[in-house]
Amino acid sequence: MGKRKSRAKPAPTKRMDKLDTVFSCPFCNHGSSVECEISMKDMIGKATCRICEESFSTTITALSEAIDM
């Protein structure tokens, strides 16, 4: 007689931490002053500093995140 097969347990799901959307400015070195906005409709990502008013915009893909800018 053979043994009964045990049921396989489902693999534990890995919890993904959310990525930041607010960063420190590389120009004025002010912490938490750069905000990133992603417009999937226009396929444009924009990062703007609230302190020194510097801004950067670039084209994005469907896989782009705020940290990629």
PDB file of N, CA and C in Angstrom:
ATOM      1  N   MET A   1       0.826  -1.177   0.000  1.00  0.00           N
ATOM      2  CA  MET A   1       0.000   0.000   0.000  1.00  0.00           C
ATOM      3  C   MET A   1       0.876   1.248   0.000  1.00  0.00           C
ATOM      4  N   GLY A   2       0.444   2.231  -0.745  1.00  0.00           N
ATOM      5  CA  GLY A   2       1.206   3.471  -0.833  1.00  0.00           C
ATOM      6  C   GLY A   2       0.676   4.531   0.115  1.00  0.00           C
ATOM      7  N   LYS A   3       1.479   5.528   0.333  1.00  0.00           N
ATOM      8  CA  LYS A   3       1.065   6.639   1.196  1.00  0.00           C
ATOM      9  C   LYS A   3       0.149   7.577   0.424  1.00  0.00           C
ATOM     10  N   ARG A   4      -0.679   8.290   1.156  1.00  0.00           N
ATOM     11  CA  ARG A   4      -1.523   9.302   0.525  1.00  0.00           C
ATOM     12  C   ARG A   4      -0.687  10.533   0.225  1.00  0.00           C
ATOM     13  N   LYS A   5      -1.005  11.162  -0.878  1.00  0.00           N
ATOM     14  CA  LYS A   5      -0.280  12.391  -1.251  1.00  0.00           C
ATOM     15  C   LYS A   5      -0.776  13.549  -0.391  1.00  0.00           C
ATOM     16  N   SER A   6       0.168  14.314   0.125  1.00  0.00           N
ATOM     17  CA  SER A   6      -0.222  15.484   0.925  1.00  0.00           C
ATOM     18  C   SER A   6      -0.545  16.642  -0.014  1.00  0.00           C
ATOM     19  N   ARG A   7      -1.448  17.480   0.408  1.00  0.00           N
ATOM     20  CA  ARG A   7      -1.811  18.636  -0.408  1.00  0.00           C
ATOM     21  C   ARG A   7      -0.711  19.678  -0.324  1.00  0.00           C
ATOM     22  N   ALA A   8      -0.377  20.249  -1.454  1.00  0.00           N
ATOM     23  CA  ALA A   8       0.661  21.274  -1.492  1.00  0.00           C
ATOM     24  C   ALA A   8       0.100  22.589  -0.954  1.00  0.00           C
ATOM     25  N   LYS A   9       0.862  23.223  -0.085  1.00  0.00           N
ATOM     26  CA  LYS A   9       0.439  24.511   0.452  1.00  0.00           C
ATOM     27  C   LYS A   9       0.739  25.594  -0.582  1.00  0.00           C
ATOM     28  N   PRO A  10      -0.144  26.589  -0.727  1.00  0.00           N
ATOM     29  CA  PRO A  10       0.133  27.668  -1.684  1.00  0.00           C
ATOM     30  C   PRO A  10       1.345  28.481  -1.228  1.00  0.00           C
ATOM     31  N   ALA A  11       2.096  28.971  -2.181  1.00  0.00           N
ATOM     32  CA  ALA A  11       3.284  29.752  -1.876  1.00  0.00           C
ATOM     33  C   ALA A  11       2.884  31.056  -1.196  1.00  0.00           C
ATOM     34  N   PRO A  12       3.627  31.476  -0.179  1.00  0.00           N
ATOM     35  CA  PRO A  12       3.282  32.743   0.488  1.00  0.00           C
ATOM     36  C   PRO A  12       3.498  33.921  -0.459  1.00  0.00           C
ATOM     37  N   THR A  13       2.576  34.858  -0.435  1.00  0.00           N
ATOM     38  CA  THR A  13       2.687  36.014  -1.309  1.00  0.00           C
ATOM     39  C   THR A  13       3.625  37.043  -0.686  1.00  0.00           C
ATOM     40  N   LYS A  14       4.474  37.631  -1.508  1.00  0.00           N
ATOM     41  CA  LYS A  14       5.394  38.651  -1.026  1.00  0.00           C
ATOM     42  C   LYS A  14       4.688  39.993  -1.008  1.00  0.00           C
ATOM     43  N   ARG A  15       4.850  40.705   0.080  1.00  0.00           N
ATOM     44  CA  ARG A  15       4.218  42.009   0.215  1.00  0.00           C
ATOM     45  C   ARG A  15       5.138  43.073  -0.355  1.00  0.00           C
ATOM     46  N   MET A  16       4.637  43.826  -1.310  1.00  0.00           N
ATOM     47  CA  MET A  16       5.429  44.879  -1.940  1.00  0.00           C
ATOM     48  C   MET A  16       5.198  46.182  -1.186  1.00  0.00           C
ATOM     49  N   ASP A  17       6.292  46.809  -0.752  1.00  0.00           N
ATOM     50  CA  ASP A  17       6.185  48.104  -0.097  1.00  0.00           C
ATOM     51  C   ASP A  17       5.925  49.175  -1.146  1.00  0.00           C
ATOM     52  N   LYS A  18       5.159  50.189  -0.768  1.00  0.00           N
ATOM     53  CA  LYS A  18       4.877  51.272  -1.702  1.00  0.00           C
ATOM     54  C   LYS A  18       6.110  52.140  -1.862  1.00  0.00           C
ATOM     55  N   LEU A  19       6.340  52.596  -3.080  1.00  0.00           N
ATOM     56  CA  LEU A  19       7.495  53.447  -3.374  1.00  0.00           C
ATOM     57  C   LEU A  19       7.181  54.892  -3.031  1.00  0.00           C
ATOM     58  N   ASP A  20       8.225  55.643  -2.718  1.00  0.00           N
ATOM     59  CA  ASP A  20       8.056  57.049  -2.373  1.00  0.00           C
ATOM     60  C   ASP A  20       7.664  57.870  -3.597  1.00  0.00           C
ATOM     61  N   THR A  21       6.937  58.955  -3.362  1.00  0.00           N
ATOM     62  CA  THR A  21       6.608  59.892  -4.433  1.00  0.00           C
ATOM     63  C   THR A  21       7.152  61.278  -4.114  1.00  0.00           C
ATOM     64  N   VAL A  22       7.750  61.452  -2.918  1.00  0.00           N
ATOM     65  CA  VAL A  22       8.324  62.726  -2.503  1.00  0.00           C
ATOM     66  C   VAL A  22       9.799  62.481  -2.188  1.00  0.00           C
ATOM     67  N   PHE A  23      10.688  63.332  -2.749  1.00  0.00           N
ATOM     68  CA  PHE A  23      12.129  63.134  -2.625  1.00  0.00           C
ATOM     69  C   PHE A  23      12.809  64.430  -2.215  1.00  0.00           C
ATOM     70  N   SER A  24      14.109  64.344  -1.921  1.00  0.00           N
ATOM     71  CA  SER A  24      14.893  65.550  -1.644  1.00  0.00           C
ATOM     72  C   SER A  24      15.397  66.129  -2.969  1.00  0.00           C
ATOM     73  N   CYS A  25      15.510  67.448  -3.023  1.00  0.00           N
ATOM     74  CA  CYS A  25      15.896  68.143  -4.250  1.00  0.00           C
ATOM     75  C   CYS A  25      17.410  68.055  -4.463  1.00  0.00           C
ATOM     76  N   PRO A  26      17.872  67.656  -5.651  1.00  0.00           N
ATOM     77  CA  PRO A  26      19.317  67.618  -5.908  1.00  0.00           C
ATOM     78  C   PRO A  26      19.929  69.004  -6.115  1.00  0.00           C
ATOM     79  N   PHE A  27      19.112  70.023  -6.357  1.00  0.00           N
ATOM     80  CA  PHE A  27      19.632  71.362  -6.593  1.00  0.00           C
ATOM     81  C   PHE A  27      19.769  72.158  -5.293  1.00  0.00           C
ATOM     82  N   CYS A  28      18.714  72.178  -4.469  1.00  0.00           N
ATOM     83  CA  CYS A  28      18.753  72.969  -3.238  1.00  0.00           C
ATOM     84  C   CYS A  28      18.970  72.112  -1.991  1.00  0.00           C
ATOM     85  N   ASN A  29      19.029  70.776  -2.139  1.00  0.00           N
ATOM     86  CA  ASN A  29      19.249  69.830  -1.045  1.00  0.00           C
ATOM     87  C   ASN A  29      18.217  69.960   0.072  1.00  0.00           C
ATOM     88  N   HIS A  30      17.039  70.406  -0.236  1.00  0.00           N
ATOM     89  CA  HIS A  30      15.963  70.513   0.749  1.00  0.00           C
ATOM     90  C   HIS A  30      15.227  69.172   0.784  1.00  0.00           C
ATOM     91  N   GLY A  31      15.063  68.598   1.949  1.00  0.00           N
ATOM     92  CA  GLY A  31      14.432  67.291   2.080  1.00  0.00           C
ATOM     93  C   GLY A  31      12.939  67.323   1.836  1.00  0.00           C
ATOM     94  N   SER A  32      12.437  66.325   1.195  1.00  0.00           N
ATOM     95  CA  SER A  32      11.001  66.127   0.935  1.00  0.00           C
ATOM     96  C   SER A  32      10.353  67.319   0.239  1.00  0.00           C
ATOM     97  N   SER A  33      11.022  67.876  -0.746  1.00  0.00           N
ATOM     98  CA  SER A  33      10.460  69.035  -1.430  1.00  0.00           C
ATOM     99  C   SER A  33      10.117  68.753  -2.893  1.00  0.00           C
ATOM    100  N   VAL A  34      10.556  67.633  -3.437  1.00  0.00           N
ATOM    101  CA  VAL A  34      10.291  67.313  -4.839  1.00  0.00           C
ATOM    102  C   VAL A  34       9.095  66.370  -4.906  1.00  0.00           C
ATOM    103  N   GLU A  35       8.081  66.780  -5.642  1.00  0.00           N
ATOM    104  CA  GLU A  35       6.901  65.954  -5.849  1.00  0.00           C
ATOM    105  C   GLU A  35       6.880  65.460  -7.285  1.00  0.00           C
ATOM    106  N   CYS A  36       6.497  64.203  -7.469  1.00  0.00           N
ATOM    107  CA  CYS A  36       6.435  63.604  -8.801  1.00  0.00           C
ATOM    108  C   CYS A  36       4.982  63.396  -9.192  1.00  0.00           C
ATOM    109  N   GLU A  37       4.664  63.787 -10.404  1.00  0.00           N
ATOM    110  CA  GLU A  37       3.326  63.592 -10.950  1.00  0.00           C
ATOM    111  C   GLU A  37       3.450  62.788 -12.239  1.00  0.00           C
ATOM    112  N   ILE A  38       2.620  61.769 -12.372  1.00  0.00           N
ATOM    113  CA  ILE A  38       2.649  60.928 -13.565  1.00  0.00           C
ATOM    114  C   ILE A  38       1.301  61.025 -14.258  1.00  0.00           C
ATOM    115  N   SER A  39       1.322  61.410 -15.523  1.00  0.00           N
ATOM    116  CA  SER A  39       0.112  61.509 -16.327  1.00  0.00           C
ATOM    117  C   SER A  39       0.148  60.399 -17.380  1.00  0.00           C
ATOM    118  N   MET A  40      -0.589  59.326 -17.109  1.00  0.00           N
ATOM    119  CA  MET A  40      -0.623  58.209 -18.055  1.00  0.00           C
ATOM    120  C   MET A  40      -1.379  58.578 -19.331  1.00  0.00           C
ATOM    121  N   LYS A  41      -2.284  59.527 -19.232  1.00  0.00           N
ATOM    122  CA  LYS A  41      -3.044  59.954 -20.408  1.00  0.00           C
ATOM    123  C   LYS A  41      -2.118  60.610 -21.430  1.00  0.00           C
ATOM    124  N   ASP A  42      -1.231  61.502 -20.939  1.00  0.00           N
ATOM    125  CA  ASP A  42      -0.303  62.207 -21.822  1.00  0.00           C
ATOM    126  C   ASP A  42       1.046  61.509 -21.938  1.00  0.00           C
ATOM    127  N   MET A  43       1.275  60.442 -21.134  1.00  0.00           N
ATOM    128  CA  MET A  43       2.533  59.693 -21.090  1.00  0.00           C
ATOM    129  C   MET A  43       3.715  60.598 -20.742  1.00  0.00           C
ATOM    130  N   ILE A  44       3.509  61.487 -19.768  1.00  0.00           N
ATOM    131  CA  ILE A  44       4.542  62.422 -19.313  1.00  0.00           C
ATOM    132  C   ILE A  44       4.657  62.336 -17.804  1.00  0.00           C
ATOM    133  N   GLY A  45       5.903  62.288 -17.321  1.00  0.00           N
ATOM    134  CA  GLY A  45       6.170  62.333 -15.892  1.00  0.00           C
ATOM    135  C   GLY A  45       6.846  63.654 -15.561  1.00  0.00           C
ATOM    136  N   LYS A  46       6.445  64.287 -14.448  1.00  0.00           N
ATOM    137  CA  LYS A  46       6.967  65.599 -14.095  1.00  0.00           C
ATOM    138  C   LYS A  46       7.383  65.606 -12.635  1.00  0.00           C
ATOM    139  N   ALA A  47       8.604  66.097 -12.363  1.00  0.00           N
ATOM    140  CA  ALA A  47       9.103  66.251 -10.997  1.00  0.00           C
ATOM    141  C   ALA A  47       9.354  67.737 -10.769  1.00  0.00           C
ATOM    142  N   THR A  48       8.803  68.289  -9.673  1.00  0.00           N
ATOM    143  CA  THR A  48       8.901  69.718  -9.394  1.00  0.00           C
ATOM    144  C   THR A  48       9.292  69.932  -7.938  1.00  0.00           C
ATOM    145  N   CYS A  49      10.242  70.860  -7.708  1.00  0.00           N
ATOM    146  CA  CYS A  49      10.651  71.226  -6.356  1.00  0.00           C
ATOM    147  C   CYS A  49       9.787  72.392  -5.892  1.00  0.00           C
ATOM    148  N   ARG A  50       9.258  72.298  -4.665  1.00  0.00           N
ATOM    149  CA  ARG A  50       8.410  73.361  -4.125  1.00  0.00           C
ATOM    150  C   ARG A  50       9.230  74.536  -3.609  1.00  0.00           C
ATOM    151  N   ILE A  51      10.502  74.330  -3.324  1.00  0.00           N
ATOM    152  CA  ILE A  51      11.331  75.378  -2.731  1.00  0.00           C
ATOM    153  C   ILE A  51      12.007  76.231  -3.809  1.00  0.00           C
ATOM    154  N   CYS A  52      12.793  75.577  -4.680  1.00  0.00           N
ATOM    155  CA  CYS A  52      13.567  76.344  -5.673  1.00  0.00           C
ATOM    156  C   CYS A  52      12.906  76.400  -7.044  1.00  0.00           C
ATOM    157  N   GLU A  53      11.709  75.810  -7.188  1.00  0.00           N
ATOM    158  CA  GLU A  53      10.912  75.867  -8.424  1.00  0.00           C
ATOM    159  C   GLU A  53      11.582  75.198  -9.630  1.00  0.00           C
ATOM    160  N   GLU A  54      12.577  74.342  -9.411  1.00  0.00           N
ATOM    161  CA  GLU A  54      13.165  73.579 -10.511  1.00  0.00           C
ATOM    162  C   GLU A  54      12.172  72.499 -10.925  1.00  0.00           C
ATOM    163  N   SER A  55      12.147  72.174 -12.214  1.00  0.00           N
ATOM    164  CA  SER A  55      11.246  71.129 -12.687  1.00  0.00           C
ATOM    165  C   SER A  55      11.943  70.292 -13.752  1.00  0.00           C
ATOM    166  N   PHE A  56      11.471  69.063 -13.888  1.00  0.00           N
ATOM    167  CA  PHE A  56      12.005  68.129 -14.869  1.00  0.00           C
ATOM    168  C   PHE A  56      10.839  67.312 -15.385  1.00  0.00           C
ATOM    169  N   SER A  57      10.752  67.136 -16.697  1.00  0.00           N
ATOM    170  CA  SER A  57       9.698  66.306 -17.270  1.00  0.00           C
ATOM    171  C   SER A  57      10.310  65.378 -18.312  1.00  0.00           C
ATOM    172  N   THR A  58       9.717  64.210 -18.434  1.00  0.00           N
ATOM    173  CA  THR A  58      10.213  63.202 -19.361  1.00  0.00           C
ATOM    174  C   THR A  58       9.059  62.328 -19.827  1.00  0.00           C
ATOM    175  N   THR A  59       9.278  61.627 -20.920  1.00  0.00           N
ATOM    176  CA  THR A  59       8.275  60.682 -21.393  1.00  0.00           C
ATOM    177  C   THR A  59       8.367  59.415 -20.554  1.00  0.00           C
ATOM    178  N   ILE A  60       7.239  58.751 -20.364  1.00  0.00           N
ATOM    179  CA  ILE A  60       7.190  57.551 -19.545  1.00  0.00           C
ATOM    180  C   ILE A  60       6.551  56.416 -20.312  1.00  0.00           C
ATOM    181  N   THR A  61       6.663  55.225 -19.750  1.00  0.00           N
ATOM    182  CA  THR A  61       6.011  54.038 -20.306  1.00  0.00           C
ATOM    183  C   THR A  61       4.963  53.567 -19.298  1.00  0.00           C
ATOM    184  N   ALA A  62       4.281  52.507 -19.634  1.00  0.00           N
ATOM    185  CA  ALA A  62       3.247  51.979 -18.744  1.00  0.00           C
ATOM    186  C   ALA A  62       3.846  51.398 -17.457  1.00  0.00           C
ATOM    187  N   LEU A  63       5.131  51.052 -17.479  1.00  0.00           N
ATOM    188  CA  LEU A  63       5.780  50.450 -16.330  1.00  0.00           C
ATOM    189  C   LEU A  63       6.494  51.467 -15.448  1.00  0.00           C
ATOM    190  N   SER A  64       6.481  52.733 -15.814  1.00  0.00           N
ATOM    191  CA  SER A  64       7.211  53.757 -15.074  1.00  0.00           C
ATOM    192  C   SER A  64       6.562  54.053 -13.728  1.00  0.00           C
ATOM    193  N   GLU A  65       7.408  54.323 -12.735  1.00  0.00           N
ATOM    194  CA  GLU A  65       6.975  54.714 -11.404  1.00  0.00           C
ATOM    195  C   GLU A  65       7.590  56.080 -11.079  1.00  0.00           C
ATOM    196  N   ALA A  66       7.173  56.676  -9.966  1.00  0.00           N
ATOM    197  CA  ALA A  66       7.678  58.001  -9.578  1.00  0.00           C
ATOM    198  C   ALA A  66       9.177  57.964  -9.300  1.00  0.00           C
ATOM    199  N   ILE A  67       9.659  56.870  -8.783  1.00  0.00           N
ATOM    200  CA  ILE A  67      11.083  56.773  -8.458  1.00  0.00           C
ATOM    201  C   ILE A  67      11.954  56.692  -9.721  1.00  0.00           C
ATOM    202  N   ASP A  68      11.370  56.320 -10.850  1.00  0.00           N
ATOM    203  CA  ASP A  68      12.127  56.210 -12.103  1.00  0.00           C
ATOM    204  C   ASP A  68      12.497  57.567 -12.689  1.00  0.00           C
ATOM    205  N   MET A  69      11.753  58.599 -12.337  1.00  0.00           N
ATOM    206  CA  MET A  69      12.048  59.921 -12.883  1.00  0.00           C
ATOM    207  C   MET A  69      13.228  60.501 -12.177  1.00  0.00           C
TER     208      MET A  69
END
